[in-house]
């Protein structure tokens, strides 16, 4: 038999009650603390129903529910998150206008019994994935800001270096160089072999001629020397490497996450675990979207509408009003799919031949990726093949 446990969540203590499928109250509302003692008390109160199916539910408000949610998942219980607007409307069906913690717990339990088919078992794990995706995104933004600072300081002490080495400034070899010699003066006064050994860090840089060019640029550089700026540049490099190590750790967590391993979106060529984590944590449940265009709109990849009277714009930019992480993941995925699928590459080149810019054509490819995602998640028993 199935029983329903409604829990009203608060900061320091919660209120729970238990009803059967007919709405009869079997355990009156009781309070328990928001800690391990309180959680164990909750389970002990329900012990006489342990051989039956227990369905827990609470409102999806604030973050105070997360510890309890984790405890229930760890104890092999499932739970449902309820939209507070729905529970409020459900409570309003009562002819008496009463609201307190006991009534709220009963309302949630009753709503569960009434609507028990909408059960969300993976909510906690999807939340975990969302935290990891957001943390990775924040760390990448922090690292980008550090590279911007690095460029600004190098423009003072060695202006031509960044222009000369370009994107190689992000390599371990140049990190190693700048941690030792950060200004044009320091490089100019250092022997060629010492510079070469710094740049030949872990044998990933072998061009002696390029080292000589850098030294010649340093000799005629208009950049000024500052011990303070030299120290700041070295600190920035250390900070960048620290952020990179944190990003690697987060990505490792994502790749080993239960919801990402062997997830069906792996069927799309070029779709990696990081993109899957971003997409899954944003979409959460494909049943929330009844057509691909709604996912596209949620990501902000849909075109803006510009219409007035008889005028309707033929060409507009994407709205960019949706979930920015989902938009980033879909665009990134489209770029990877182009490189791994001849079908998508042909479609991309077709859009470019029509005169569309790279990013415009990429947006069209992202729309196709959304169609693939929608099909795969709605047809779990069918194999998806994209050449």
Protein backbone atom coordinates (compact mmCIF):
# COMPACT_ATOMS: atom_id res chain seq x y z
CA UNK A 1 0.00 0.00 0.00
CA UNK A 2 1.14 3.56 -0.66
CA UNK A 3 1.24 6.24 2.03
CA UNK A 4 2.01 9.94 1.63
CA UNK A 5 4.25 12.02 3.90
CA UNK A 6 3.75 15.77 3.59
CA UNK A 7 6.51 17.96 5.05
CA UNK A 8 6.32 21.71 5.63
CA UNK A 9 9.90 23.02 5.40
CA UNK A 10 11.32 25.76 7.66
CA UNK A 11 14.80 26.96 8.61
CA UNK A 12 15.23 25.30 12.01
CA UNK A 13 12.46 22.70 12.19
CA UNK A 14 9.97 21.01 9.85
CA UNK A 15 6.45 19.64 10.30
CA UNK A 16 5.40 16.26 8.85
CA UNK A 17 2.27 14.15 8.73
CA UNK A 18 1.21 10.90 7.05
CA UNK A 19 -2.01 10.04 5.22
CA UNK A 20 -3.23 7.06 3.21
CA UNK A 21 -4.43 7.05 -0.39
CA UNK A 22 -7.93 8.00 0.76
CA UNK A 23 -6.73 11.10 2.60
CA UNK A 24 -7.18 9.68 6.09
CA UNK A 25 -4.67 11.07 8.59
CA UNK A 26 -2.69 8.17 10.10
CA UNK A 27 0.00 10.24 11.85
CA UNK A 28 -1.01 13.69 13.02
CA UNK A 29 1.33 16.61 12.14
CA UNK A 30 4.47 16.60 14.30
CA UNK A 31 7.58 18.76 14.41
CA UNK A 32 11.18 17.57 13.97
CA UNK A 33 14.46 19.49 13.95
CA UNK A 34 16.45 20.28 10.80
CA UNK A 35 19.39 18.08 11.85
CA UNK A 36 20.40 14.42 11.94
CA UNK A 37 18.57 13.79 15.23
CA UNK A 38 15.37 15.25 13.80
CA UNK A 39 15.74 13.33 10.51
CA UNK A 40 16.19 10.03 12.37
CA UNK A 41 13.16 10.90 14.51
CA UNK A 42 11.12 11.33 11.30
CA UNK A 43 12.12 7.87 10.06
CA UNK A 44 11.44 6.25 13.45
CA UNK A 45 7.94 7.79 13.51
CA UNK A 46 7.26 6.12 10.15
CA UNK A 47 8.83 2.79 11.14
CA UNK A 48 5.51 0.93 11.34
CA UNK A 49 4.95 1.74 7.65
CA UNK A 50 8.45 0.68 6.52
CA UNK A 51 7.13 -2.34 4.61
CA UNK A 52 4.84 -0.13 2.54
CA UNK A 53 5.60 2.46 -0.14
CA UNK A 54 6.25 5.88 1.37
CA UNK A 55 6.09 8.96 -0.81
CA UNK A 56 7.61 12.12 0.66
CA UNK A 57 6.86 15.59 -0.60
CA UNK A 58 7.72 19.20 0.22
CA UNK A 59 7.61 22.56 -1.52
CA UNK A 60 10.44 23.68 -3.78
CA UNK A 61 11.16 26.89 -1.88
CA UNK A 62 14.50 28.27 -0.62
CA UNK A 63 17.38 25.90 0.15
CA UNK A 64 16.41 24.61 3.59
CA UNK A 65 15.00 21.44 1.99
CA UNK A 66 18.32 20.31 0.50
CA UNK A 67 19.78 18.63 3.62
CA UNK A 68 16.57 16.69 4.17
CA UNK A 69 16.42 15.78 0.49
CA UNK A 70 19.96 14.43 0.64
CA UNK A 71 19.17 12.45 3.79
CA UNK A 72 16.09 10.86 2.21
CA UNK A 73 18.00 9.97 -0.97
CA UNK A 74 20.85 8.47 1.08
CA UNK A 75 18.29 6.42 3.03
CA UNK A 76 16.83 5.04 -0.24
CA UNK A 77 13.65 7.13 -0.05
CA UNK A 78 12.28 9.12 -2.97
CA UNK A 79 10.68 12.52 -2.72
CA UNK A 80 8.68 14.94 -4.82
CA UNK A 81 9.18 18.68 -5.06
CA UNK A 82 5.90 20.56 -5.26
CA UNK A 83 5.42 23.93 -6.88
CA UNK A 84 4.28 26.22 -4.01
CA UNK A 85 1.83 27.97 -6.34
CA UNK A 86 0.08 24.64 -6.96
CA UNK A 87 -0.03 23.72 -3.27
CA UNK A 88 -1.39 27.18 -2.44
CA UNK A 89 -4.14 26.76 -5.03
CA UNK A 90 -4.85 23.27 -3.74
CA UNK A 91 -5.15 24.62 -0.17
CA UNK A 92 -7.59 27.31 -1.36
CA UNK A 93 -10.08 24.53 -2.22
CA UNK A 94 -10.71 24.30 1.51
CA UNK A 95 -13.73 26.40 2.45
CA UNK A 96 -11.95 27.65 5.59
CA UNK A 97 -9.17 30.20 5.10
CA UNK A 98 -6.61 28.63 7.43
CA UNK A 99 -2.83 28.52 7.06
CA UNK A 100 -0.27 27.21 9.54
CA UNK A 101 2.55 24.63 9.52
CA UNK A 102 0.23 21.72 10.41
CA UNK A 103 -2.26 22.62 7.70
CA UNK A 104 0.56 23.07 5.18
CA UNK A 105 1.95 19.60 5.93
CA UNK A 106 -1.52 18.09 5.48
CA UNK A 107 -2.05 20.05 2.27
CA UNK A 108 1.23 18.76 0.82
CA UNK A 109 0.41 15.17 1.78
CA UNK A 110 -3.07 15.53 0.23
CA UNK A 111 -1.61 17.03 -2.92
CA UNK A 112 0.77 14.06 -3.18
CA UNK A 113 -2.12 11.61 -2.90
CA UNK A 114 -4.10 13.57 -5.46
CA UNK A 115 -1.25 13.98 -7.93
CA UNK A 116 1.01 11.00 -7.15
CA UNK A 117 1.90 10.24 -10.75
CA UNK A 118 4.21 13.26 -10.96
CA UNK A 119 7.06 11.84 -8.92
CA UNK A 120 10.57 13.26 -9.23
CA UNK A 121 13.22 10.82 -8.08
CA UNK A 122 16.31 12.44 -9.57
CA UNK A 123 15.76 16.02 -8.36
CA UNK A 124 18.61 15.97 -5.84
CA UNK A 125 21.10 14.58 -8.35
CA UNK A 126 20.08 17.11 -11.00
CA UNK A 127 20.57 19.86 -8.41
CA UNK A 128 24.08 18.53 -7.78
CA UNK A 129 24.79 18.63 -11.50
CA UNK A 130 23.47 22.19 -11.72
CA UNK A 131 25.79 23.28 -8.88
CA UNK A 132 28.79 21.72 -10.67
CA UNK A 133 27.88 23.33 -14.00
CA UNK A 134 27.45 26.78 -12.43
CA UNK A 135 30.67 26.44 -10.44
CA UNK A 136 32.62 25.50 -13.57
CA UNK A 137 31.14 28.46 -15.41
CA UNK A 138 32.03 30.85 -12.56
CA UNK A 139 35.61 29.56 -12.40
CA UNK A 140 36.07 29.97 -16.17
CA UNK A 141 34.84 33.58 -15.93
CA UNK A 142 37.27 34.25 -13.07
CA UNK A 143 40.15 32.81 -15.09
CA UNK A 144 39.19 34.91 -18.13
CA UNK A 145 39.27 38.03 -15.93
CA UNK A 146 42.77 37.08 -14.74
CA UNK A 147 43.98 36.73 -18.33
CA UNK A 148 42.55 40.19 -19.06
CA UNK A 149 44.50 41.58 -16.09
CA UNK A 150 47.63 39.77 -17.27
CA UNK A 151 47.37 41.38 -20.72
CA UNK A 152 46.88 44.83 -19.17
CA UNK A 153 50.06 44.51 -17.06
CA UNK A 154 52.11 43.02 -19.90
CA UNK A 155 51.12 46.06 -22.03
CA UNK A 156 53.01 48.15 -19.48
CA UNK A 157 56.16 46.08 -19.01
CA UNK A 158 56.49 44.26 -22.38
CA UNK A 159 53.87 45.53 -24.87
CA UNK A 160 54.85 43.38 -27.89
CA UNK A 161 55.00 40.04 -26.08
CA UNK A 162 51.24 39.31 -26.10
CA UNK A 163 50.97 40.26 -29.79
CA UNK A 164 53.95 38.02 -30.65
CA UNK A 165 52.89 34.87 -28.79
CA UNK A 166 49.08 35.25 -29.17
CA UNK A 167 47.03 32.40 -27.66
CA UNK A 168 50.25 30.65 -26.55
CA UNK A 169 50.15 32.89 -23.48
CA UNK A 170 47.69 30.32 -22.07
CA UNK A 171 50.21 27.49 -22.45
CA UNK A 172 52.14 25.98 -19.54
CA UNK A 173 55.39 26.93 -21.28
CA UNK A 174 54.70 30.67 -21.22
CA UNK A 175 53.22 30.44 -17.74
CA UNK A 176 56.52 28.97 -16.63
CA UNK A 177 58.45 31.76 -18.38
CA UNK A 178 56.38 34.56 -16.84
CA UNK A 179 56.63 33.06 -13.36
CA UNK A 180 60.41 33.56 -13.63
CA UNK A 181 60.85 36.54 -15.98
CA UNK A 182 57.86 38.89 -16.13
CA UNK A 183 59.17 42.12 -17.71
CA UNK A 184 61.11 43.03 -20.84
CA UNK A 185 64.07 44.04 -18.66
CA UNK A 186 64.14 40.68 -16.88
CA UNK A 187 63.97 38.79 -20.18
CA UNK A 188 66.59 41.04 -21.81
CA UNK A 189 69.03 40.40 -18.97
CA UNK A 190 68.53 36.61 -18.98
CA UNK A 191 70.69 34.25 -21.03
CA UNK A 192 69.18 32.50 -24.05
CA UNK A 193 69.68 29.04 -22.60
CA UNK A 194 67.86 29.96 -19.37
CA UNK A 195 64.92 31.39 -21.34
CA UNK A 196 64.88 28.32 -23.57
CA UNK A 197 64.85 25.95 -20.59
CA UNK A 198 61.93 27.88 -19.06
CA UNK A 199 59.95 27.76 -22.29
CA UNK A 200 60.87 24.15 -22.94
CA UNK A 201 58.82 23.29 -19.83
CA UNK A 202 57.98 19.54 -19.91
CA UNK A 203 59.43 19.42 -23.48
CA UNK A 204 56.39 21.15 -25.00
CA UNK A 205 58.32 24.07 -26.52
CA UNK A 206 61.36 23.45 -28.73
CA UNK A 207 61.91 26.52 -30.97
CA UNK A 208 65.21 28.17 -30.11
CA UNK A 209 64.68 30.71 -32.91
CA UNK A 210 61.45 31.89 -31.28
CA UNK A 211 63.26 32.33 -27.97
CA UNK A 212 65.85 34.50 -29.73
CA UNK A 213 63.04 36.59 -31.29
CA UNK A 214 61.48 37.14 -27.87
CA UNK A 215 64.83 38.26 -26.47
CA UNK A 216 65.33 40.69 -29.39
CA UNK A 217 61.84 42.11 -28.83
CA UNK A 218 62.73 42.60 -25.15
CA UNK A 219 65.90 44.50 -26.06
CA UNK A 220 63.98 47.11 -28.09
CA UNK A 221 60.82 47.12 -25.94
CA UNK A 222 59.42 50.46 -24.76
CA UNK A 223 57.92 48.77 -21.71
CA UNK A 224 59.16 49.98 -18.36
CA UNK A 225 60.45 47.79 -15.55
CA UNK A 226 58.73 47.68 -12.17
CA UNK A 227 59.51 45.21 -9.41
CA UNK A 228 55.96 45.63 -8.17
CA UNK A 229 54.37 44.84 -11.55
CA UNK A 230 56.75 41.92 -12.00
CA UNK A 231 55.49 40.50 -8.70
CA UNK A 232 51.84 41.15 -9.67
CA UNK A 233 52.27 39.31 -13.00
CA UNK A 234 53.81 36.31 -11.23
CA UNK A 235 50.90 36.30 -8.76
CA UNK A 236 48.38 36.40 -11.62
CA UNK A 237 50.01 33.38 -13.27
CA UNK A 238 49.81 31.45 -9.98
CA UNK A 239 46.15 32.46 -9.63
CA UNK A 240 45.37 31.32 -13.19
CA UNK A 241 47.00 27.95 -12.55
CA UNK A 242 45.08 27.58 -9.28
CA UNK A 243 41.78 28.32 -11.06
CA UNK A 244 42.69 25.86 -13.82
CA UNK A 245 43.27 23.13 -11.23
CA UNK A 246 39.85 23.87 -9.70
CA UNK A 247 38.21 23.70 -13.14
CA UNK A 248 39.89 20.34 -13.77
CA UNK A 249 38.59 19.03 -10.44
CA UNK A 250 35.02 20.19 -11.19
CA UNK A 251 35.15 18.66 -14.68
CA UNK A 252 36.34 15.38 -13.21
CA UNK A 253 33.32 15.40 -10.85
CA UNK A 254 30.98 16.08 -13.76
CA UNK A 255 32.43 13.30 -15.92
CA UNK A 256 32.00 10.75 -13.12
CA UNK A 257 28.49 11.91 -12.16
CA UNK A 258 25.84 9.17 -12.26
CA UNK A 259 23.48 11.17 -14.48
CA UNK A 260 26.19 11.94 -17.04
CA UNK A 261 27.79 8.52 -17.43
CA UNK A 262 26.24 6.67 -20.38
CA UNK A 263 23.55 9.34 -20.75
CA UNK A 264 21.59 9.01 -24.02
CA UNK A 265 22.81 12.34 -25.42
CA UNK A 266 26.18 10.62 -25.96
CA UNK A 267 24.60 9.35 -29.17
CA UNK A 268 25.10 12.80 -30.72
CA UNK A 269 28.63 12.90 -32.22
CA UNK A 270 30.72 15.59 -30.54
CA UNK A 271 28.47 15.85 -27.48
CA UNK A 272 30.73 15.57 -24.42
CA UNK A 273 29.99 15.11 -20.70
CA UNK A 274 30.39 18.81 -19.85
CA UNK A 275 27.82 19.87 -22.47
CA UNK A 276 25.50 17.07 -21.30
CA UNK A 277 25.79 18.30 -17.70
CA UNK A 278 24.93 21.88 -18.71
CA UNK A 279 21.98 20.79 -20.86
CA UNK A 280 20.57 18.25 -18.40
CA UNK A 281 20.83 20.59 -15.40
CA UNK A 282 19.03 23.33 -17.35
CA UNK A 283 16.29 21.24 -19.01
CA UNK A 284 15.91 18.99 -15.91
CA UNK A 285 12.96 17.03 -17.31
CA UNK A 286 12.08 16.83 -21.00
CA UNK A 287 8.39 16.47 -20.10
CA UNK A 288 8.43 20.19 -19.22
CA UNK A 289 8.72 20.93 -22.96
CA UNK A 290 6.13 19.67 -25.44
CA UNK A 291 8.08 20.80 -28.53
CA UNK A 292 11.70 21.65 -29.47
CA UNK A 293 10.92 25.33 -30.09
CA UNK A 294 10.16 25.79 -26.37
CA UNK A 295 13.62 24.51 -25.44
CA UNK A 296 15.06 26.90 -28.02
CA UNK A 297 13.12 29.79 -26.47
CA UNK A 298 14.14 28.76 -22.94
CA UNK A 299 17.77 28.96 -24.07
CA UNK A 300 17.24 32.39 -25.68
CA UNK A 301 18.18 31.04 -29.11
CA UNK A 302 14.84 32.00 -30.64
CA UNK A 303 14.75 35.09 -32.91
CA UNK A 304 13.43 38.41 -31.66
CA UNK A 305 10.03 39.41 -33.03
CA UNK A 306 9.89 42.89 -34.52
CA UNK A 307 6.44 43.69 -35.87
CA UNK A 308 4.30 46.82 -36.04
CA UNK A 309 1.17 47.24 -38.12
CA UNK A 310 1.84 45.79 -41.56
CA UNK A 311 5.59 45.76 -40.98
CA UNK A 312 7.35 42.53 -39.97
CA UNK A 313 11.13 42.33 -39.88
CA UNK A 314 12.55 39.57 -42.09
CA UNK A 315 15.80 39.26 -40.21
CA UNK A 316 16.32 39.68 -36.46
CA UNK A 317 18.92 38.71 -33.84
CA UNK A 318 18.43 35.91 -31.31
CA UNK A 319 16.58 37.01 -28.19
CA UNK A 320 19.24 35.92 -25.62
CA UNK A 321 16.57 36.19 -22.94
CA UNK A 322 16.67 32.62 -21.66
CA UNK A 323 18.99 30.40 -19.66
CA UNK A 324 22.51 31.57 -20.56
CA UNK A 325 24.20 28.31 -19.51
CA UNK A 326 21.87 26.30 -21.75
CA UNK A 327 22.45 28.74 -24.62
CA UNK A 328 26.22 28.43 -24.16
CA UNK A 329 26.05 24.63 -24.00
CA UNK A 330 23.88 24.32 -27.11
CA UNK A 331 26.09 26.67 -29.15
CA UNK A 332 29.23 24.91 -27.93
CA UNK A 333 27.66 21.53 -28.74
CA UNK A 334 26.67 22.68 -32.22
CA UNK A 335 30.28 23.72 -32.88
CA UNK A 336 31.51 20.27 -31.78
CA UNK A 337 28.86 18.41 -33.78
CA UNK A 338 29.89 20.31 -36.92
CA UNK A 339 33.43 18.95 -36.45
CA UNK A 340 32.22 15.38 -35.86
CA UNK A 341 29.27 15.01 -38.24
CA UNK A 342 29.44 15.37 -42.03
CA UNK A 343 25.67 15.97 -42.07
CA UNK A 344 25.94 18.93 -39.70
CA UNK A 345 29.05 20.25 -41.42
CA UNK A 346 27.19 20.25 -44.76
CA UNK A 347 24.28 22.11 -43.17
CA UNK A 348 26.65 24.67 -41.62
CA UNK A 349 28.43 25.27 -44.97
CA UNK A 350 25.04 25.63 -46.68
CA UNK A 351 24.08 28.42 -44.27
CA UNK A 352 27.45 30.10 -44.78
CA UNK A 353 26.97 29.92 -48.55
CA UNK A 354 23.64 31.72 -48.08
CA UNK A 355 25.62 34.66 -46.73
CA UNK A 356 25.05 34.07 -43.03
CA UNK A 357 27.83 34.87 -40.56
CA UNK A 358 29.62 32.15 -38.60
CA UNK A 359 27.59 32.77 -35.45
CA UNK A 360 24.33 33.01 -37.36
CA UNK A 361 25.02 29.67 -39.06
CA UNK A 362 26.05 28.24 -35.68
CA UNK A 363 22.68 29.33 -34.27
CA UNK A 364 20.90 27.39 -37.02
CA UNK A 365 23.01 24.33 -36.17
CA UNK A 366 22.14 24.75 -32.47
CA UNK A 367 18.47 24.58 -33.45
CA UNK A 368 19.12 21.22 -35.10
CA UNK A 369 20.94 20.02 -31.98
CA UNK A 370 17.83 20.92 -29.95
CA UNK A 371 15.72 18.81 -32.33
CA UNK A 372 18.11 15.88 -31.82
CA UNK A 373 17.98 16.29 -28.02
CA UNK A 374 14.18 16.44 -28.02
CA UNK A 375 13.93 13.29 -30.13
CA UNK A 376 16.46 11.28 -28.11
CA UNK A 377 15.00 12.14 -24.70
CA UNK A 378 11.45 11.42 -25.84
CA UNK A 379 12.35 8.14 -27.55
CA UNK A 380 14.59 6.28 -25.06
CA UNK A 381 14.09 2.92 -26.78
CA UNK A 382 15.09 4.14 -30.24
CA UNK A 383 18.68 4.39 -31.43
CA UNK A 384 19.77 7.75 -32.81
CA UNK A 385 22.30 7.82 -35.65
CA UNK A 386 23.85 11.00 -37.11
CA UNK A 387 26.56 10.60 -39.73
